[in-house]
Amino acid sequence: ELKIWLAEDPHLKRLYFALQDIRTVYAVETQEAGEEALQKWIVDHLYSPTPAVRSIAKTIVQWQEPIQHYFSFRVTNAKIEGTHNKVKVIKRRAYGYRNLERFKIRIRLECKPAT
């Protein structure tokens, strides 16, 4: 099915392969190779005919230095960002909680660590 979708839509194909390329960047073992792979990714995708890919590339350029730190320390803030997003969704969904304690319980229930 994926091959059919990619064959039908060139924008989707470019977006898909940009994602696959960034995954290979993060799989690189050393800091120097990671920085080089990231720079290559930016050069390859910054002027993509697909607006979404261009937008992602521009964002990566703006955050290039912090992204390159990943190759030194191999740590991201993805888990806390995910938890923060969940709390925001709970807050939107639970508009008007009168009891702050119940709001805290809801957050604890939905944001408990995965086992």
Protein backbone atom coordinates (compact mmCIF):
# COMPACT_ATOMS: atom_id res chain seq x y z
CA GLU A 1 0.00 0.00 0.00
CA LEU A 2 2.81 2.39 0.86
CA LYS A 3 4.38 1.93 -2.57
CA ILE A 4 1.07 2.75 -4.22
CA TRP A 5 0.62 5.93 -2.14
CA LEU A 6 4.18 7.06 -2.81
CA ALA A 7 3.75 6.43 -6.53
CA GLU A 8 0.55 8.49 -6.60
CA ASP A 9 1.78 11.54 -4.70
CA PRO A 10 5.26 13.02 -5.29
CA HIS A 11 4.93 15.37 -2.28
CA LEU A 12 4.15 12.46 0.01
CA LYS A 13 7.09 10.56 -1.45
CA ARG A 14 9.51 13.43 -0.77
CA LEU A 15 8.12 13.84 2.76
CA TYR A 16 8.43 10.12 3.45
CA PHE A 17 12.02 9.91 2.24
CA ALA A 18 13.00 13.07 4.15
CA LEU A 19 11.73 11.34 7.29
CA GLN A 20 13.66 8.19 6.47
CA ASP A 21 16.78 10.27 5.84
CA ILE A 22 16.52 12.06 9.20
CA ARG A 23 16.22 8.67 10.91
CA THR A 24 19.53 7.65 9.39
CA VAL A 25 21.06 10.91 10.64
CA TYR A 26 20.08 10.08 14.22
CA ALA A 27 21.41 6.53 13.86
CA VAL A 28 24.96 7.77 13.22
CA GLU A 29 27.44 6.67 15.88
CA THR A 30 29.93 9.54 16.30
CA GLN A 31 29.55 13.26 16.87
CA GLU A 32 31.55 14.23 13.77
CA ALA A 33 29.62 11.84 11.53
CA GLY A 34 26.34 13.05 13.05
CA GLU A 35 27.09 16.70 12.41
CA GLU A 36 28.17 15.88 8.87
CA ALA A 37 25.04 13.78 8.22
CA LEU A 38 22.80 16.53 9.61
CA GLN A 39 24.46 19.13 7.39
CA LYS A 40 24.02 16.86 4.37
CA TRP A 41 20.34 16.37 5.25
CA ILE A 42 19.85 20.13 5.43
CA VAL A 43 21.55 20.69 2.06
CA ASP A 44 19.49 17.89 0.46
CA HIS A 45 16.12 19.10 1.76
CA LEU A 46 16.30 22.86 2.35
CA TYR A 47 15.18 23.66 -1.21
CA SER A 48 12.75 20.77 -1.63
CA PRO A 49 9.78 21.42 -3.91
CA THR A 50 7.57 20.09 -1.10
CA PRO A 51 6.62 22.96 1.27
CA ALA A 52 6.36 20.71 4.34
CA VAL A 53 9.89 19.36 3.82
CA ARG A 54 11.25 22.90 3.32
CA SER A 55 9.55 24.02 6.51
CA ILE A 56 11.03 21.13 8.49
CA ALA A 57 14.47 21.83 7.04
CA LYS A 58 14.23 25.52 8.00
CA THR A 59 13.25 24.54 11.54
CA ILE A 60 16.20 22.16 11.74
CA VAL A 61 18.52 24.96 10.57
CA GLN A 62 17.20 27.19 13.37
CA TRP A 63 17.74 24.43 15.95
CA GLN A 64 20.90 22.99 14.41
CA GLU A 65 23.22 23.59 17.36
CA PRO A 66 20.94 22.00 19.99
CA ILE A 67 20.25 19.10 17.62
CA GLN A 68 23.98 18.55 17.21
CA HIS A 69 24.32 18.23 20.99
CA TYR A 70 22.37 14.99 20.66
CA PHE A 71 25.37 13.42 18.96
CA SER A 72 27.55 14.26 21.97
CA PHE A 73 25.24 13.20 24.77
CA ARG A 74 22.61 10.93 23.13
CA VAL A 75 19.87 12.46 25.26
CA THR A 76 16.69 14.21 24.16
CA ASN A 77 13.81 15.88 25.98
CA ALA A 78 11.24 13.93 23.96
CA LYS A 79 9.65 12.20 26.97
CA ILE A 80 9.08 15.42 28.88
CA GLU A 81 7.77 17.14 25.75
CA GLY A 82 5.31 14.25 25.26
CA THR A 83 4.17 14.47 28.87
CA HIS A 84 3.79 18.25 28.58
CA ASN A 85 1.64 17.79 25.48
CA LYS A 86 -0.56 15.22 27.28
CA VAL A 87 -1.10 17.63 30.18
CA LYS A 88 -2.12 20.38 27.75
CA VAL A 89 -4.61 18.02 26.06
CA ILE A 90 -6.05 16.99 29.44
CA LYS A 91 -6.36 20.65 30.39
CA ARG A 92 -8.23 21.46 27.16
CA ARG A 93 -10.45 18.40 27.43
CA ALA A 94 -11.26 19.06 31.08
CA TYR A 95 -12.14 22.70 30.72
CA GLY A 96 -13.65 23.97 33.92
CA TYR A 97 -12.32 21.50 36.49
CA ARG A 98 -13.55 22.88 39.78
CA ASN A 99 -11.51 20.52 41.91
CA LEU A 100 -7.76 20.89 41.38
CA GLU A 101 -7.13 17.58 43.15
CA ARG A 102 -9.19 15.68 40.54
CA PHE A 103 -7.28 17.44 37.78
CA LYS A 104 -3.99 16.27 39.35
CA ILE A 105 -5.34 12.71 39.64
CA ARG A 106 -6.35 12.73 35.96
CA ILE A 107 -2.83 13.85 34.99
CA ARG A 108 -1.24 11.13 37.12
CA LEU A 109 -3.52 8.48 35.62
CA GLU A 110 -2.89 9.45 32.02
CA CYS A 111 0.80 10.27 32.36
CA LYS A 112 1.90 7.27 34.36
CA PRO A 113 5.12 5.68 33.10
CA ALA A 114 4.79 2.94 30.50
CA THR A 115 5.63 -0.54 31.72
